[in-house]
């Protein structure tokens, strides 16, 4: 079965308090919807800074969440002089400390991670694909520089759209782009 691929660029999620520190009273403005229902890229961007480097125009993903999390690639981590852990979204255990700079203020906290590669699916998708007894799969990326990726974590929720997410480093290594296809290898 072929599953669509989404390539995830660096971005961040903010909690309400940090959003207000960074953007003041400015409302969160939707730029465009993302493939996962209810998720959107916001007009707002920030800068990420460490004493080793800075990356500007990092997109905020809405809606606001209960936690603040910065998702970067390993290439970004090198530029910033960080060593963030690979984590599922929401797991900030041992996250790297990073300064987030907005137009109204800044926040420094342990929030930087490299997101674990993952597959969004519904419980019905999971059952249909006979994946009920596993939390990880191996996928094959199709194409000229196809690749096989282990440790693709399953993220199951009734509201998810079926899609596999890789970060930009993973996708670039095999010339993949959003809209390409992957297959699950059992």
Protein backbone atom coordinates (compact mmCIF):
# COMPACT_ATOMS: atom_id res chain seq x y z
CA UNK A 1 0.00 0.00 0.00
CA UNK A 2 1.38 3.41 -0.95
CA UNK A 3 1.23 6.19 1.64
CA UNK A 4 1.83 9.88 0.89
CA UNK A 5 4.97 11.52 2.23
CA UNK A 6 5.12 14.87 3.97
CA UNK A 7 8.51 16.54 4.43
CA UNK A 8 8.67 18.54 7.64
CA UNK A 9 10.86 21.64 7.61
CA UNK A 10 12.07 23.31 10.82
CA UNK A 11 9.17 24.81 12.77
CA UNK A 12 7.88 25.41 16.25
CA UNK A 13 4.80 24.97 18.40
CA UNK A 14 4.08 27.44 21.19
CA UNK A 15 2.06 27.44 24.36
CA UNK A 16 -0.15 30.46 25.09
CA UNK A 17 2.23 32.09 27.57
CA UNK A 18 5.26 31.90 25.28
CA UNK A 19 3.18 33.08 22.31
CA UNK A 20 2.15 36.19 24.26
CA UNK A 21 5.76 36.86 25.28
CA UNK A 22 6.92 36.60 21.66
CA UNK A 23 3.99 38.25 19.86
CA UNK A 24 2.14 40.28 22.48
CA UNK A 25 -1.53 40.75 21.69
CA UNK A 26 -1.13 39.95 17.96
CA UNK A 27 -3.68 37.27 16.99
CA UNK A 28 -2.41 33.99 15.59
CA UNK A 29 -2.95 34.29 11.83
CA UNK A 30 -3.40 31.23 9.60
CA UNK A 31 -1.31 31.29 6.42
CA UNK A 32 -2.37 27.90 5.08
CA UNK A 33 -3.77 24.56 6.21
CA UNK A 34 -1.47 21.58 6.60
CA UNK A 35 -2.26 17.98 5.69
CA UNK A 36 -3.17 17.00 9.25
CA UNK A 37 -6.71 18.17 10.06
CA UNK A 38 -6.80 21.28 12.24
CA UNK A 39 -3.08 22.03 11.83
CA UNK A 40 -1.91 25.12 9.97
CA UNK A 41 1.17 27.14 9.14
CA UNK A 42 0.85 30.56 10.72
CA UNK A 43 1.95 33.88 9.26
CA UNK A 44 4.12 34.39 12.35
CA UNK A 45 7.79 33.46 12.31
CA UNK A 46 10.59 33.65 14.87
CA UNK A 47 14.36 33.49 15.01
CA UNK A 48 16.17 30.65 16.77
CA UNK A 49 19.42 31.64 18.44
CA UNK A 50 22.29 30.11 20.37
CA UNK A 51 25.75 31.47 21.06
CA UNK A 52 26.93 29.51 17.97
CA UNK A 53 24.40 30.67 15.39
CA UNK A 54 20.97 31.89 14.41
CA UNK A 55 18.23 30.75 12.03
CA UNK A 56 15.62 33.33 11.01
CA UNK A 57 12.07 33.04 9.68
CA UNK A 58 11.17 29.79 11.42
CA UNK A 59 7.45 29.16 10.93
CA UNK A 60 4.99 28.80 13.80
CA UNK A 61 2.53 25.91 13.47
CA UNK A 62 -0.93 26.37 14.94
CA UNK A 63 -3.05 26.01 16.86
CA UNK A 64 -1.30 26.80 20.14
CA UNK A 65 -0.39 23.77 22.25
CA UNK A 66 0.09 23.07 25.96
CA UNK A 67 3.89 23.07 25.43
CA UNK A 68 6.55 24.94 23.48
CA UNK A 69 8.62 22.80 21.13
CA UNK A 70 11.16 23.63 18.43
CA UNK A 71 11.63 20.97 15.74
CA UNK A 72 14.90 21.19 13.82
CA UNK A 73 16.97 18.90 11.62
CA UNK A 74 20.45 17.64 12.42
CA UNK A 75 21.82 20.13 9.87
CA UNK A 76 20.10 22.95 11.78
CA UNK A 77 21.49 21.56 15.03
CA UNK A 78 25.04 21.72 13.62
CA UNK A 79 24.51 25.33 12.58
CA UNK A 80 23.21 26.21 16.04
CA UNK A 81 25.84 24.18 17.90
CA UNK A 82 23.18 22.01 19.56
CA UNK A 83 22.84 18.30 20.25
CA UNK A 84 19.08 17.82 20.57
CA UNK A 85 17.57 14.39 21.16
CA UNK A 86 15.32 12.56 18.71
CA UNK A 87 11.87 12.64 20.27
CA UNK A 88 8.18 12.20 19.57
CA UNK A 89 6.27 15.46 19.49
CA UNK A 90 5.47 16.56 23.03
CA UNK A 91 8.36 14.65 24.63
CA UNK A 92 10.84 17.32 25.69
CA UNK A 93 12.94 15.07 27.94
CA UNK A 94 16.54 16.34 27.60
CA UNK A 95 15.52 18.86 24.91
CA UNK A 96 18.27 21.32 23.99
CA UNK A 97 18.10 24.86 25.34
CA UNK A 98 17.39 27.45 22.65
CA UNK A 99 16.47 31.11 22.51
CA UNK A 100 13.31 31.93 20.57
CA UNK A 101 13.11 35.55 19.40
CA UNK A 102 9.83 37.16 18.36
CA UNK A 103 8.88 40.73 17.51
CA UNK A 104 7.75 41.51 21.08
CA UNK A 105 10.18 39.51 23.21
CA UNK A 106 12.20 36.36 23.62
CA UNK A 107 12.00 33.04 25.44
CA UNK A 108 14.94 30.78 26.36
CA UNK A 109 14.09 27.21 27.32
CA UNK A 110 14.80 23.53 26.81
CA UNK A 111 12.56 23.03 23.76
CA UNK A 112 14.68 21.92 20.76
CA UNK A 113 14.31 18.38 19.44
CA UNK A 114 14.78 16.43 16.24
CA UNK A 115 11.36 14.94 15.55
CA UNK A 116 11.26 11.17 15.25
CA UNK A 117 10.15 9.99 11.82
CA UNK A 118 6.55 8.93 12.08
CA UNK A 119 3.41 7.76 10.34
CA UNK A 120 0.06 9.43 11.04
CA UNK A 121 -2.89 7.05 10.81
CA UNK A 122 -6.35 6.43 12.20
CA UNK A 123 -7.29 3.37 14.27
CA UNK A 124 -9.16 2.10 11.18
CA UNK A 125 -6.01 2.55 9.04
CA UNK A 126 -3.99 0.68 11.66
CA UNK A 127 -6.44 -2.23 11.65
CA UNK A 128 -6.71 -2.31 7.84
CA UNK A 129 -2.90 -2.43 7.55
CA UNK A 130 -2.65 -5.11 10.25
CA UNK A 131 -0.43 -2.91 12.46
CA UNK A 132 -2.35 -3.33 15.71
CA UNK A 133 0.48 -5.14 17.52
CA UNK A 134 3.31 -2.74 16.71
CA UNK A 135 4.32 0.84 17.45
CA UNK A 136 6.99 1.13 14.75
CA UNK A 137 7.35 0.09 11.13
CA UNK A 138 9.97 0.04 8.41
CA UNK A 139 9.19 2.02 5.25
CA UNK A 140 10.55 2.09 1.75
CA UNK A 141 10.72 5.41 -0.04
CA UNK A 142 10.11 4.97 -3.72
CA UNK A 143 12.00 6.90 -6.41
CA UNK A 144 15.33 7.27 -8.15
CA UNK A 145 17.27 7.38 -4.86
CA UNK A 146 14.83 5.25 -2.92
CA UNK A 147 15.66 4.34 0.65
CA UNK A 148 14.51 2.21 3.55
CA UNK A 149 13.92 3.81 6.93
CA UNK A 150 13.62 1.85 10.19
CA UNK A 151 12.03 3.05 13.42
CA UNK A 152 9.10 4.91 11.87
CA UNK A 153 6.81 5.51 14.84
CA UNK A 154 3.07 5.10 14.56
CA UNK A 155 0.97 8.09 15.66
CA UNK A 156 -2.61 6.92 15.86
CA UNK A 157 -5.61 9.21 16.28
CA UNK A 158 -9.13 9.27 14.90
CA UNK A 159 -8.52 12.75 13.46
CA UNK A 160 -5.27 12.04 11.60
CA UNK A 161 -4.87 11.91 7.83
CA UNK A 162 -2.75 9.01 6.55
CA UNK A 163 0.73 10.41 5.90
CA UNK A 164 4.36 9.60 6.67
CA UNK A 165 6.55 12.44 7.97
CA UNK A 166 10.29 12.73 7.48
CA UNK A 167 12.45 15.76 8.23
CA UNK A 168 14.33 17.68 5.55
CA UNK A 169 17.64 15.88 6.14
CA UNK A 170 16.01 12.46 5.72
CA UNK A 171 14.10 13.56 2.61
CA UNK A 172 17.07 15.33 1.02
CA UNK A 173 19.24 12.24 1.43
CA UNK A 174 17.06 10.42 -1.10
CA UNK A 175 15.75 13.32 -3.22
CA UNK A 176 12.26 12.99 -1.73
CA UNK A 177 9.61 15.69 -1.53
CA UNK A 178 6.15 16.17 -0.13
CA UNK A 179 3.70 14.21 -2.26
CA UNK A 180 6.07 11.33 -2.98
CA UNK A 181 5.10 7.84 -1.81
CA UNK A 182 6.32 5.34 0.76
CA UNK A 183 5.39 1.72 1.35
CA UNK A 184 5.36 -0.15 4.64
CA UNK A 185 7.70 -3.16 4.73
CA UNK A 186 6.53 -5.86 7.13
